[in-house]
C-alpha atoms as a PDB file:
ATOM      1  CA  MET A   1       0.424  -0.182  -0.425  1.00  0.00           C
ATOM      2  CA  ILE A   2       0.798   3.261  -0.735  1.00  0.00           C
ATOM      3  CA  ARG A   3       0.590   6.166   1.456  1.00  0.00           C
ATOM      4  CA  LEU A   4       0.138   9.847  -0.481  1.00  0.00           C
ATOM      5  CA  ASN A   5      -0.611  13.519   0.863  1.00  0.00           C
ATOM      6  CA  ILE A   6      -3.720  15.173  -0.691  1.00  0.00           C
ATOM      7  CA  HIS A   7      -1.558  17.350  -2.833  1.00  0.00           C
ATOM      8  CA  GLU A   8      -0.351  14.675  -4.220  1.00  0.00           C
ATOM      9  CA  VAL A   9      -2.882  12.596  -4.967  1.00  0.00           C
ATOM     10  CA  LYS A  10      -5.223  15.317  -6.330  1.00  0.00           C
ATOM     11  CA  THR A  11      -2.495  16.354  -8.610  1.00  0.00           C
ATOM     12  CA  HIS A  12      -2.283  12.940 -10.358  1.00  0.00           C
ATOM     13  CA  LEU A  13      -5.601  11.213  -9.677  1.00  0.00           C
ATOM     14  CA  SER A  14      -5.683   9.697 -12.578  1.00  0.00           C
ATOM     15  CA  ARG A  15      -1.949   8.006 -13.019  1.00  0.00           C
ATOM     16  CA  TYR A  16      -2.555   6.339  -9.037  1.00  0.00           C
ATOM     17  CA  LEU A  17      -6.333   5.721 -10.711  1.00  0.00           C
ATOM     18  CA  ASP A  18      -4.630   3.794 -12.562  1.00  0.00           C
ATOM     19  CA  ARG A  19      -2.754   1.710 -10.240  1.00  0.00           C
ATOM     20  CA  VAL A  20      -6.297   1.012  -8.077  1.00  0.00           C
ATOM     21  CA  ILE A  21      -7.235  -0.495 -11.271  1.00  0.00           C
ATOM     22  CA  LYS A  22      -4.259  -2.832 -11.344  1.00  0.00           C
ATOM     23  CA  GLY A  23      -4.803  -4.056  -7.764  1.00  0.00           C
ATOM     24  CA  GLU A  24      -3.218  -1.543  -5.510  1.00  0.00           C
ATOM     25  CA  ARG A  25      -4.206  -0.042  -2.538  1.00  0.00           C
ATOM     26  CA  ILE A  26      -3.587   4.176  -2.109  1.00  0.00           C
ATOM     27  CA  LEU A  27      -3.861   5.257   1.347  1.00  0.00           C
ATOM     28  CA  ILE A  28      -4.119   8.935   1.300  1.00  0.00           C
ATOM     29  CA  CYS A  29      -3.235  11.022   4.937  1.00  0.00           C
ATOM     30  CA  ARG A  30      -3.523  14.810   5.621  1.00  0.00           C
ATOM     31  CA  ARG A  31      -0.675  15.480   7.623  1.00  0.00           C
ATOM     32  CA  ASN A  32       0.946  12.633   7.641  1.00  0.00           C
ATOM     33  CA  VAL A  33      -2.222  10.999   9.176  1.00  0.00           C
ATOM     34  CA  PRO A  34      -4.717   8.332   7.019  1.00  0.00           C
ATOM     35  CA  VAL A  35      -8.077   9.998   6.435  1.00  0.00           C
ATOM     36  CA  ALA A  36      -9.197   7.926   3.374  1.00  0.00           C
ATOM     37  CA  GLU A  37      -7.962   4.672   1.873  1.00  0.00           C
ATOM     38  CA  ILE A  38      -9.073   3.962  -2.522  1.00  0.00           C
ATOM     39  CA  ARG A  39      -9.200   0.987  -3.442  1.00  0.00           C
ATOM     40  CA  PRO A  40     -10.130  -1.708  -6.256  1.00  0.00           C
ATOM     41  CA  VAL A  41     -13.957  -2.462  -5.769  1.00  0.00           C
ATOM     42  CA  THR A  42     -14.554  -6.393  -6.227  1.00  0.00           C
ATOM     43  CA  SER A  43     -17.033  -7.279  -8.412  1.00  0.00           C
ATOM     44  CA  GLU A  44     -20.314  -8.277  -6.803  1.00  0.00           C
ATOM     45  CA  ARG A  45     -21.491 -10.565  -9.706  1.00  0.00           C
ATOM     46  CA  LYS A  46     -18.957 -12.836 -10.985  1.00  0.00           C
ATOM     47  CA  SER A  47     -20.400 -14.626 -14.039  1.00  0.00           C
ATOM     48  CA  ARG A  48     -23.730 -14.020 -16.177  1.00  0.00           C
ATOM     49  CA  ARG A  49     -26.748 -15.448 -15.164  1.00  0.00           C
ATOM     50  CA  PRO A  50     -28.209 -18.232 -17.460  1.00  0.00           C
ATOM     51  CA  VAL A  51     -31.205 -17.579 -19.914  1.00  0.00           C
ATOM     52  CA  GLY A  52     -34.186 -18.543 -18.213  1.00  0.00           C
ATOM     53  CA  LEU A  53     -33.024 -18.470 -14.697  1.00  0.00           C
ATOM     54  CA  ALA A  54     -36.821 -16.972 -13.542  1.00  0.00           C
ATOM     55  CA  LYS A  55     -38.820 -19.469 -15.796  1.00  0.00           C
ATOM     56  CA  GLY A  56     -42.340 -20.650 -14.611  1.00  0.00           C
ATOM     57  CA  GLN A  57     -41.958 -18.179 -11.743  1.00  0.00           C
ATOM     58  CA  PHE A  58     -44.192 -15.997 -12.381  1.00  0.00           C
ATOM     59  CA  GLN A  59     -46.928 -14.703 -15.448  1.00  0.00           C
ATOM     60  CA  VAL A  60     -46.749 -12.038 -17.581  1.00  0.00           C
ATOM     61  CA  SER A  61     -50.856 -10.548 -18.244  1.00  0.00           C
ATOM     62  CA  PRO A  62     -51.894 -10.793 -21.381  1.00  0.00           C
ATOM     63  CA  ALA A  63     -53.020  -6.990 -20.991  1.00  0.00           C
ATOM     64  CA  PHE A  64     -49.140  -5.970 -20.202  1.00  0.00           C
ATOM     65  CA  PHE A  65     -48.701  -6.729 -24.200  1.00  0.00           C
ATOM     66  CA  GLU A  66     -51.969  -4.650 -25.252  1.00  0.00           C
ATOM     67  CA  PRO A  67     -50.716  -0.827 -26.535  1.00  0.00           C
ATOM     68  CA  LEU A  68     -51.389   1.928 -23.806  1.00  0.00           C
ATOM     69  CA  PRO A  69     -54.267   4.371 -23.334  1.00  0.00           C
ATOM     70  CA  PRO A  70     -53.490   7.876 -25.181  1.00  0.00           C
ATOM     71  CA  GLU A  71     -53.196   9.416 -21.830  1.00  0.00           C
ATOM     72  CA  ILE A  72     -50.073   7.861 -20.762  1.00  0.00           C
ATOM     73  CA  ILE A  73     -49.134   8.089 -23.990  1.00  0.00           C
ATOM     74  CA  ALA A  74     -49.398  11.656 -24.488  1.00  0.00           C
ATOM     75  CA  SER A  75     -47.522  11.924 -20.487  1.00  0.00           C
ATOM     76  CA  PHE A  76     -44.459  10.909 -22.411  1.00  0.00           C
ATOM     77  CA  HIS A  77     -44.426  13.224 -24.774  1.00  0.00           C
ATOM     78  CA  ALA A  78     -45.487  16.406 -22.378  1.00  0.00           C
ATOM     79  CA  GLU A  79     -42.769  18.876 -21.653  1.00  0.00           C
ATOM     80  CA  ASN A  80     -44.093  19.932 -17.996  1.00  0.00           C
ATOM     81  CA  PRO A  81     -45.119  16.775 -17.075  1.00  0.00           C
END
């Protein structure tokens, strides 16, 4: 983990973010006192969900596929909803 002062991070933020993306952690200090840490975000979802995962668990009403009423369609085109 690298320690940096706030000014250094502000001056070269994109450079340090590139290092974070590669897995490094950065400890940000104010007057040599740690105040924050920048670290890579871990992905919550490791793999894609399979197609049809919820098949058969709910039903869509046939009315869902009918055209919307004119007043609802008009509300999408309104200047001030």
